[in-house]
N, C-alpha and C. Protein backbone atom coordinates (compact mmCIF):
# COMPACT_ATOMS: atom_id res chain seq x y z
N MET A 1 0.83 -1.18 0.00
CA MET A 1 0.00 0.00 0.00
C MET A 1 0.87 1.25 0.00
N VAL A 2 0.45 2.22 -0.74
CA VAL A 2 1.18 3.48 -0.85
C VAL A 2 0.30 4.58 -0.29
N ARG A 3 0.87 5.41 0.57
CA ARG A 3 0.11 6.52 1.15
C ARG A 3 0.36 7.76 0.31
N ILE A 4 -0.70 8.38 -0.15
CA ILE A 4 -0.61 9.57 -0.98
C ILE A 4 -1.13 10.74 -0.15
N ASN A 5 -0.74 11.98 -0.53
CA ASN A 5 -1.16 13.15 0.26
C ASN A 5 -2.67 13.20 0.44
N ASP A 6 -3.11 13.92 1.44
CA ASP A 6 -4.52 14.08 1.81
C ASP A 6 -5.15 12.79 2.30
N GLY A 7 -4.33 11.85 2.79
CA GLY A 7 -4.87 10.64 3.39
C GLY A 7 -5.37 9.61 2.41
N VAL A 8 -5.04 9.73 1.13
CA VAL A 8 -5.49 8.76 0.13
C VAL A 8 -4.54 7.58 0.15
N THR A 9 -5.08 6.37 0.27
CA THR A 9 -4.29 5.15 0.26
C THR A 9 -4.55 4.43 -1.05
N GLN A 10 -3.47 4.04 -1.75
CA GLN A 10 -3.63 3.36 -3.03
C GLN A 10 -3.02 1.97 -2.92
N SER A 11 -3.75 0.95 -3.37
CA SER A 11 -3.25 -0.41 -3.40
C SER A 11 -3.59 -1.00 -4.76
N LEU A 12 -3.31 -2.28 -4.93
CA LEU A 12 -3.64 -2.94 -6.19
C LEU A 12 -5.14 -3.08 -6.37
N LEU A 13 -5.91 -3.02 -5.29
CA LEU A 13 -7.35 -3.20 -5.37
C LEU A 13 -8.11 -1.91 -5.58
N GLY A 14 -7.56 -0.79 -5.18
CA GLY A 14 -8.29 0.46 -5.33
C GLY A 14 -7.70 1.58 -4.51
N CYS A 15 -8.41 2.69 -4.46
CA CYS A 15 -8.01 3.86 -3.68
C CYS A 15 -9.01 4.07 -2.56
N ALA A 16 -8.53 4.61 -1.46
CA ALA A 16 -9.42 4.91 -0.34
C ALA A 16 -8.90 6.15 0.37
N THR A 17 -9.82 6.91 0.93
CA THR A 17 -9.45 8.07 1.74
C THR A 17 -10.43 8.21 2.89
N HIS A 18 -9.95 8.75 4.00
CA HIS A 18 -10.77 8.97 5.19
C HIS A 18 -10.99 10.47 5.35
N LEU A 19 -12.22 10.88 5.54
CA LEU A 19 -12.56 12.26 5.84
C LEU A 19 -13.19 12.28 7.23
N HIS A 20 -12.52 12.89 8.18
CA HIS A 20 -13.02 12.88 9.55
C HIS A 20 -14.19 13.83 9.71
N ILE A 21 -15.18 13.41 10.48
CA ILE A 21 -16.39 14.19 10.72
C ILE A 21 -16.25 14.85 12.09
N SER A 22 -16.36 16.18 12.12
CA SER A 22 -16.23 16.89 13.38
C SER A 22 -17.51 16.73 14.20
N ARG A 23 -17.36 16.80 15.49
CA ARG A 23 -18.52 16.72 16.39
C ARG A 23 -19.15 18.09 16.51
N SER A 24 -20.37 18.21 16.07
CA SER A 24 -21.10 19.47 16.22
C SER A 24 -22.58 19.15 16.27
N LYS A 25 -23.41 20.18 16.27
CA LYS A 25 -24.85 19.98 16.37
C LYS A 25 -25.47 19.55 15.04
N CYS A 26 -24.74 19.68 13.95
CA CYS A 26 -25.26 19.32 12.63
C CYS A 26 -25.20 17.80 12.44
N ASN A 27 -26.24 17.21 11.86
CA ASN A 27 -26.30 15.77 11.61
C ASN A 27 -25.65 15.48 10.26
N PHE A 28 -24.32 15.29 10.27
CA PHE A 28 -23.59 15.07 9.03
C PHE A 28 -23.91 13.72 8.41
N ILE A 29 -24.17 12.72 9.24
CA ILE A 29 -24.48 11.38 8.72
C ILE A 29 -25.77 11.44 7.91
N GLY A 30 -26.79 12.09 8.45
CA GLY A 30 -28.05 12.24 7.74
C GLY A 30 -27.91 13.09 6.49
N ARG A 31 -27.04 14.09 6.54
CA ARG A 31 -26.82 14.96 5.39
C ARG A 31 -26.18 14.19 4.24
N ILE A 32 -25.24 13.29 4.55
CA ILE A 32 -24.57 12.52 3.50
C ILE A 32 -25.48 11.42 2.98
N ILE A 33 -26.16 10.70 3.87
CA ILE A 33 -27.00 9.58 3.45
C ILE A 33 -28.26 10.09 2.77
N GLY A 34 -28.92 11.09 3.34
CA GLY A 34 -30.13 11.64 2.74
C GLY A 34 -31.35 10.77 3.00
N PRO A 35 -32.51 11.22 2.55
CA PRO A 35 -33.74 10.46 2.79
C PRO A 35 -33.71 9.13 2.02
N ALA A 36 -33.93 8.06 2.74
CA ALA A 36 -33.94 6.69 2.18
C ALA A 36 -32.65 6.36 1.45
N GLY A 37 -31.54 7.00 1.83
CA GLY A 37 -30.25 6.72 1.20
C GLY A 37 -30.09 7.30 -0.19
N MET A 38 -30.99 8.20 -0.57
CA MET A 38 -30.98 8.73 -1.94
C MET A 38 -29.76 9.61 -2.23
N SER A 39 -29.32 10.40 -1.27
CA SER A 39 -28.20 11.31 -1.52
C SER A 39 -26.91 10.55 -1.74
N VAL A 40 -26.65 9.55 -0.89
CA VAL A 40 -25.41 8.79 -1.05
C VAL A 40 -25.45 7.94 -2.32
N LYS A 41 -26.61 7.43 -2.68
CA LYS A 41 -26.73 6.66 -3.93
C LYS A 41 -26.47 7.56 -5.14
N GLN A 42 -26.98 8.79 -5.10
CA GLN A 42 -26.77 9.73 -6.20
C GLN A 42 -25.29 10.10 -6.30
N LEU A 43 -24.63 10.36 -5.16
CA LEU A 43 -23.20 10.66 -5.17
C LEU A 43 -22.40 9.50 -5.74
N GLU A 44 -22.73 8.29 -5.31
CA GLU A 44 -22.00 7.11 -5.77
C GLU A 44 -22.20 6.90 -7.27
N SER A 45 -23.40 7.10 -7.77
CA SER A 45 -23.63 6.88 -9.20
C SER A 45 -22.99 7.99 -10.04
N ASP A 46 -22.94 9.22 -9.54
CA ASP A 46 -22.34 10.32 -10.30
C ASP A 46 -20.82 10.20 -10.38
N THR A 47 -20.19 9.67 -9.35
CA THR A 47 -18.73 9.67 -9.29
C THR A 47 -18.10 8.30 -9.47
N GLY A 48 -18.84 7.23 -9.27
CA GLY A 48 -18.26 5.89 -9.39
C GLY A 48 -17.50 5.46 -8.15
N CYS A 49 -17.60 6.20 -7.07
CA CYS A 49 -16.94 5.85 -5.81
C CYS A 49 -17.95 5.25 -4.84
N HIS A 50 -17.44 4.55 -3.84
CA HIS A 50 -18.28 4.02 -2.78
C HIS A 50 -18.07 4.89 -1.54
N ILE A 51 -19.15 5.24 -0.86
CA ILE A 51 -19.07 6.10 0.32
C ILE A 51 -19.60 5.33 1.51
N LEU A 52 -18.77 5.20 2.54
CA LEU A 52 -19.14 4.47 3.75
C LEU A 52 -18.92 5.38 4.95
N ILE A 53 -19.83 5.35 5.89
CA ILE A 53 -19.66 6.10 7.14
C ILE A 53 -19.21 5.10 8.18
N ARG A 54 -18.06 5.36 8.77
CA ARG A 54 -17.44 4.41 9.69
C ARG A 54 -17.07 5.11 10.99
N GLY A 55 -16.73 4.32 12.00
CA GLY A 55 -16.23 4.84 13.26
C GLY A 55 -17.29 4.88 14.35
N ARG A 56 -16.90 5.44 15.52
CA ARG A 56 -17.82 5.54 16.65
C ARG A 56 -19.02 6.39 16.27
N GLY A 57 -20.21 5.87 16.53
CA GLY A 57 -21.43 6.59 16.23
C GLY A 57 -21.98 6.32 14.84
N SER A 58 -21.34 5.44 14.08
CA SER A 58 -21.82 5.17 12.72
C SER A 58 -22.95 4.15 12.68
N VAL A 59 -23.09 3.34 13.73
CA VAL A 59 -24.19 2.38 13.82
C VAL A 59 -24.87 2.54 15.18
N LYS A 60 -26.14 2.16 15.25
CA LYS A 60 -26.90 2.35 16.48
C LYS A 60 -26.59 1.29 17.53
N VAL A 61 -26.27 0.07 17.13
CA VAL A 61 -26.06 -1.04 18.08
C VAL A 61 -24.57 -1.35 18.20
N GLN A 62 -23.75 -0.33 18.42
CA GLN A 62 -22.31 -0.55 18.40
C GLN A 62 -21.79 -1.31 19.62
N GLN A 63 -22.47 -1.27 20.76
CA GLN A 63 -22.00 -2.01 21.93
C GLN A 63 -22.00 -3.51 21.66
N ARG A 64 -23.02 -3.99 20.95
CA ARG A 64 -23.12 -5.41 20.65
C ARG A 64 -22.11 -5.82 19.57
N LEU A 65 -21.80 -4.92 18.65
CA LEU A 65 -20.92 -5.25 17.54
C LEU A 65 -19.45 -5.01 17.84
N ARG A 66 -19.16 -4.19 18.84
CA ARG A 66 -17.78 -3.83 19.16
C ARG A 66 -16.99 -5.08 19.52
N GLY A 67 -15.81 -5.20 18.92
CA GLY A 67 -14.93 -6.33 19.19
C GLY A 67 -15.16 -7.53 18.29
N GLN A 68 -16.23 -7.54 17.52
CA GLN A 68 -16.48 -8.66 16.62
C GLN A 68 -15.68 -8.46 15.33
N PRO A 69 -15.38 -9.56 14.63
CA PRO A 69 -14.62 -9.44 13.38
C PRO A 69 -15.39 -8.60 12.35
N GLY A 70 -14.67 -7.73 11.67
CA GLY A 70 -15.27 -6.87 10.66
C GLY A 70 -15.79 -5.55 11.19
N TRP A 71 -15.79 -5.38 12.49
CA TRP A 71 -16.30 -4.14 13.10
C TRP A 71 -15.20 -3.39 13.84
N ASP A 72 -13.95 -3.54 13.39
CA ASP A 72 -12.82 -2.87 14.03
C ASP A 72 -12.90 -1.35 13.90
N HIS A 73 -13.59 -0.87 12.88
CA HIS A 73 -13.68 0.58 12.65
C HIS A 73 -14.43 1.28 13.77
N LEU A 74 -15.18 0.56 14.61
CA LEU A 74 -15.92 1.20 15.70
C LEU A 74 -14.99 1.75 16.78
N GLU A 75 -13.73 1.36 16.75
CA GLU A 75 -12.75 1.90 17.70
C GLU A 75 -12.15 3.22 17.20
N GLU A 76 -12.36 3.55 15.93
CA GLU A 76 -11.81 4.77 15.33
C GLU A 76 -12.79 5.92 15.50
N PRO A 77 -12.32 7.17 15.36
CA PRO A 77 -13.25 8.30 15.38
C PRO A 77 -14.17 8.27 14.15
N LEU A 78 -15.29 8.95 14.24
CA LEU A 78 -16.28 8.98 13.17
C LEU A 78 -15.66 9.59 11.90
N HIS A 79 -15.80 8.89 10.76
CA HIS A 79 -15.23 9.37 9.51
C HIS A 79 -16.01 8.82 8.32
N VAL A 80 -15.77 9.42 7.17
CA VAL A 80 -16.35 8.96 5.91
C VAL A 80 -15.23 8.29 5.14
N LEU A 81 -15.47 7.06 4.68
CA LEU A 81 -14.50 6.33 3.87
C LEU A 81 -14.96 6.38 2.43
N VAL A 82 -14.13 6.96 1.57
CA VAL A 82 -14.44 7.06 0.14
C VAL A 82 -13.49 6.12 -0.58
N THR A 83 -14.03 5.13 -1.30
CA THR A 83 -13.21 4.17 -2.02
C THR A 83 -13.59 4.15 -3.49
N ALA A 84 -12.61 3.80 -4.32
CA ALA A 84 -12.83 3.64 -5.75
C ALA A 84 -12.10 2.39 -6.20
N VAL A 85 -12.78 1.55 -6.97
CA VAL A 85 -12.17 0.33 -7.48
C VAL A 85 -12.30 0.36 -9.00
N ASP A 86 -11.19 0.58 -9.68
CA ASP A 86 -11.14 0.59 -11.14
C ASP A 86 -9.96 -0.29 -11.57
N HIS A 87 -9.88 -0.55 -12.85
CA HIS A 87 -8.79 -1.37 -13.34
C HIS A 87 -7.51 -0.57 -13.54
N ASN A 88 -7.62 0.65 -13.88
CA ASN A 88 -6.46 1.49 -14.13
C ASN A 88 -6.13 2.29 -12.87
N HIS A 89 -4.86 2.26 -12.43
CA HIS A 89 -4.47 2.97 -11.21
C HIS A 89 -4.72 4.47 -11.32
N PHE A 90 -4.46 5.05 -12.47
CA PHE A 90 -4.66 6.48 -12.64
C PHE A 90 -6.13 6.84 -12.52
N ASP A 91 -7.01 6.04 -13.12
CA ASP A 91 -8.45 6.29 -13.01
C ASP A 91 -8.93 6.14 -11.58
N LYS A 92 -8.36 5.18 -10.85
CA LYS A 92 -8.75 4.98 -9.45
C LYS A 92 -8.44 6.23 -8.64
N LEU A 93 -7.24 6.73 -8.84
CA LEU A 93 -6.83 7.90 -8.08
C LEU A 93 -7.69 9.11 -8.42
N LEU A 94 -7.93 9.34 -9.70
CA LEU A 94 -8.74 10.49 -10.10
C LEU A 94 -10.17 10.39 -9.60
N SER A 95 -10.77 9.21 -9.70
CA SER A 95 -12.17 9.09 -9.26
C SER A 95 -12.28 9.24 -7.76
N SER A 96 -11.28 8.80 -7.00
CA SER A 96 -11.33 8.97 -5.56
C SER A 96 -11.08 10.43 -5.17
N LEU A 97 -10.14 11.08 -5.85
CA LEU A 97 -9.82 12.46 -5.51
C LEU A 97 -10.93 13.43 -5.89
N GLN A 98 -11.71 13.14 -6.94
CA GLN A 98 -12.79 14.05 -7.30
C GLN A 98 -13.93 13.97 -6.30
N GLU A 99 -14.04 12.89 -5.57
CA GLU A 99 -15.12 12.72 -4.61
C GLU A 99 -14.84 13.47 -3.31
N ILE A 100 -13.58 13.66 -2.96
CA ILE A 100 -13.22 14.26 -1.67
C ILE A 100 -13.80 15.66 -1.49
N PRO A 101 -13.63 16.60 -2.44
CA PRO A 101 -14.22 17.93 -2.22
C PRO A 101 -15.74 17.91 -2.16
N ILE A 102 -16.37 16.99 -2.86
CA ILE A 102 -17.83 16.92 -2.85
C ILE A 102 -18.33 16.53 -1.47
N VAL A 103 -17.71 15.50 -0.88
CA VAL A 103 -18.12 15.06 0.46
C VAL A 103 -17.76 16.12 1.49
N ARG A 104 -16.59 16.76 1.36
CA ARG A 104 -16.22 17.84 2.28
C ARG A 104 -17.22 18.98 2.20
N HIS A 105 -17.70 19.25 1.01
CA HIS A 105 -18.70 20.30 0.81
C HIS A 105 -19.97 19.99 1.59
N LEU A 106 -20.35 18.71 1.64
CA LEU A 106 -21.55 18.31 2.39
C LEU A 106 -21.32 18.36 3.89
N LEU A 107 -20.07 18.33 4.32
CA LEU A 107 -19.77 18.34 5.75
C LEU A 107 -19.76 19.74 6.34
N THR A 108 -20.03 20.76 5.54
CA THR A 108 -20.15 22.12 6.07
C THR A 108 -21.63 22.40 6.33
N PRO A 109 -21.98 22.82 7.54
CA PRO A 109 -23.39 22.96 7.91
C PRO A 109 -24.10 24.16 7.30
N ALA A 110 -23.45 24.96 6.47
CA ALA A 110 -24.06 26.19 5.97
C ALA A 110 -24.93 26.01 4.73
N HIS A 111 -25.06 24.79 4.22
CA HIS A 111 -25.78 24.57 2.97
C HIS A 111 -27.23 24.20 3.25
N ASP A 112 -28.03 25.23 3.55
CA ASP A 112 -29.44 25.00 3.89
C ASP A 112 -30.27 24.62 2.67
N ASP A 113 -29.87 25.04 1.47
CA ASP A 113 -30.63 24.68 0.28
C ASP A 113 -30.54 23.18 0.02
N TYR A 114 -29.40 22.58 0.29
CA TYR A 114 -29.26 21.13 0.14
C TYR A 114 -30.14 20.41 1.16
N LYS A 115 -30.15 20.89 2.39
CA LYS A 115 -31.00 20.31 3.44
C LYS A 115 -32.48 20.46 3.07
N ARG A 116 -32.86 21.62 2.55
CA ARG A 116 -34.24 21.86 2.14
C ARG A 116 -34.65 20.89 1.03
N CYS A 117 -33.74 20.65 0.10
CA CYS A 117 -34.00 19.71 -0.99
C CYS A 117 -34.19 18.30 -0.45
N GLN A 118 -33.37 17.90 0.53
CA GLN A 118 -33.52 16.57 1.14
C GLN A 118 -34.85 16.45 1.87
N LEU A 119 -35.24 17.48 2.61
CA LEU A 119 -36.51 17.43 3.33
C LEU A 119 -37.69 17.39 2.37
N MET A 120 -37.56 18.08 1.24
CA MET A 120 -38.62 18.03 0.25
C MET A 120 -38.73 16.63 -0.35
N GLN A 121 -37.60 15.99 -0.60
CA GLN A 121 -37.61 14.62 -1.11
C GLN A 121 -38.27 13.67 -0.12
N LEU A 122 -37.97 13.86 1.16
CA LEU A 122 -38.57 13.02 2.19
C LEU A 122 -40.08 13.22 2.24
N ALA A 123 -40.54 14.47 2.10
CA ALA A 123 -41.98 14.74 2.08
C ALA A 123 -42.65 14.10 0.87
N ILE A 124 -41.97 14.11 -0.27
CA ILE A 124 -42.53 13.47 -1.46
C ILE A 124 -42.62 11.97 -1.26
N ILE A 125 -41.60 11.37 -0.67
CA ILE A 125 -41.61 9.93 -0.40
C ILE A 125 -42.74 9.57 0.55
N ASN A 126 -42.93 10.39 1.59
CA ASN A 126 -43.98 10.13 2.57
C ASN A 126 -45.37 10.52 2.07
N GLY A 127 -45.45 11.26 0.98
CA GLY A 127 -46.74 11.69 0.44
C GLY A 127 -47.31 12.89 1.15
N THR A 128 -46.47 13.66 1.84
CA THR A 128 -46.95 14.82 2.59
C THR A 128 -46.48 16.14 1.99
N TYR A 129 -45.92 16.12 0.78
CA TYR A 129 -45.40 17.35 0.18
C TYR A 129 -46.53 18.27 -0.23
N GLN A 130 -46.43 19.53 0.20
CA GLN A 130 -47.36 20.58 -0.21
C GLN A 130 -46.51 21.76 -0.64
N GLY A 131 -46.59 22.13 -1.91
CA GLY A 131 -45.80 23.24 -2.41
C GLY A 131 -46.16 24.53 -1.70
N THR A 132 -45.19 25.38 -1.47
CA THR A 132 -45.44 26.69 -0.86
C THR A 132 -45.29 27.75 -1.93
N ARG A 133 -45.80 28.93 -1.68
CA ARG A 133 -45.68 29.96 -2.70
C ARG A 133 -44.27 30.54 -2.74
N HIS A 134 -43.48 30.37 -1.68
CA HIS A 134 -42.12 30.89 -1.66
C HIS A 134 -41.13 29.94 -2.32
N PHE A 135 -41.40 28.65 -2.28
CA PHE A 135 -40.42 27.68 -2.77
C PHE A 135 -41.14 26.63 -3.61
N ARG A 136 -41.35 26.95 -4.88
CA ARG A 136 -41.99 25.99 -5.80
C ARG A 136 -40.92 25.36 -6.68
N ILE A 137 -41.15 24.11 -7.05
CA ILE A 137 -40.20 23.39 -7.90
C ILE A 137 -40.98 22.51 -8.86
N GLN A 138 -40.49 22.33 -10.04
CA GLN A 138 -41.13 21.43 -11.00
C GLN A 138 -40.93 20.00 -10.51
N LEU A 139 -42.00 19.24 -10.40
CA LEU A 139 -41.92 17.86 -9.94
C LEU A 139 -42.25 16.89 -11.08
N ASP A 140 -41.77 17.21 -12.28
CA ASP A 140 -42.04 16.35 -13.43
C ASP A 140 -41.37 14.99 -13.26
N SER A 141 -40.20 14.99 -12.65
CA SER A 141 -39.48 13.73 -12.43
C SER A 141 -38.62 13.89 -11.20
N PHE A 142 -38.08 12.79 -10.72
CA PHE A 142 -37.19 12.85 -9.56
C PHE A 142 -35.91 13.60 -9.89
N LYS A 143 -35.49 13.62 -11.17
CA LYS A 143 -34.28 14.32 -11.56
C LYS A 143 -34.39 15.81 -11.28
N SER A 144 -35.61 16.39 -11.40
CA SER A 144 -35.76 17.82 -11.18
C SER A 144 -35.46 18.19 -9.73
N ILE A 145 -35.63 17.25 -8.83
CA ILE A 145 -35.32 17.52 -7.43
C ILE A 145 -33.82 17.65 -7.24
N TRP A 146 -33.05 16.90 -8.03
CA TRP A 146 -31.60 16.91 -7.87
C TRP A 146 -30.92 18.06 -8.60
N THR A 147 -31.67 18.89 -9.32
CA THR A 147 -31.06 19.94 -10.13
C THR A 147 -30.17 20.87 -9.31
N PRO A 148 -30.61 21.42 -8.16
CA PRO A 148 -29.70 22.29 -7.41
C PRO A 148 -28.47 21.55 -6.93
N PHE A 149 -28.64 20.28 -6.57
CA PHE A 149 -27.51 19.49 -6.09
C PHE A 149 -26.54 19.20 -7.23
N GLN A 150 -27.05 18.87 -8.43
CA GLN A 150 -26.19 18.55 -9.55
C GLN A 150 -25.43 19.77 -10.04
N VAL A 151 -26.03 20.95 -9.98
CA VAL A 151 -25.32 22.17 -10.35
C VAL A 151 -24.15 22.37 -9.41
N ARG A 152 -24.36 22.18 -8.12
CA ARG A 152 -23.29 22.31 -7.14
C ARG A 152 -22.24 21.23 -7.36
N LEU A 153 -22.66 20.02 -7.69
CA LEU A 153 -21.75 18.90 -7.91
C LEU A 153 -20.84 19.18 -9.10
N THR A 154 -21.38 19.68 -10.20
CA THR A 154 -20.56 19.96 -11.38
C THR A 154 -19.63 21.14 -11.13
N SER A 155 -20.05 22.12 -10.35
CA SER A 155 -19.16 23.24 -10.06
C SER A 155 -18.01 22.79 -9.17
N LEU A 156 -18.24 21.85 -8.27
CA LEU A 156 -17.16 21.34 -7.44
C LEU A 156 -16.21 20.47 -8.24
N LYS A 157 -16.72 19.70 -9.18
CA LYS A 157 -15.87 18.84 -10.00
C LYS A 157 -14.96 19.67 -10.89
N SER A 158 -15.43 20.82 -11.36
CA SER A 158 -14.63 21.64 -12.25
C SER A 158 -13.54 22.40 -11.51
N ASN A 159 -13.66 22.57 -10.19
CA ASN A 159 -12.65 23.31 -9.41
C ASN A 159 -11.44 22.50 -9.16
C-alpha cells in the first residue's frame, strides 16, 4: 500500500481516503445519506466511488458489535471512507480524488438549500409534500429535485 497526500491510500485493489467528521450539532451522517439513502446513492452513481460512514457513532447497536470481526472501525473516530475500485491505477486515483471535495462540501453545515431539498424529497416519499408559494419546484421527475444538487456537484468537479 502506498500513502498519498490528503490521506489517500492506493493499493492494487483500489483507492481509499478517510474524511473525519467533526462533532457538532449538525447531523452530518443524515446529510450525507439523505432520505432513504438517496443522496449517497446519487453521489455514488455520479462519481463511481463508494461512500461508507465508519467509526464511533456510525451504527446504532455498536456495543453489541464492538470487538467482533469486521467491526474494528468502531474503535476509530467517526469518519467517511471514500473508495474507488477501477482497473487502471490512474483512473482509481482520479475518481477517488474528485469525490473528496464533494463530500467535504456536504460536511459544512451552511448549505441549507441542500438540506431543504432533502426534506422536500422526504416529504414526497412520505406523500406529505405541499408546495409553498415561496419555494416551488417542478416535480415532473425525480431528476428535477436533484437539479440544485447537480449544479453544485458539477461546479465542485470543475474546481
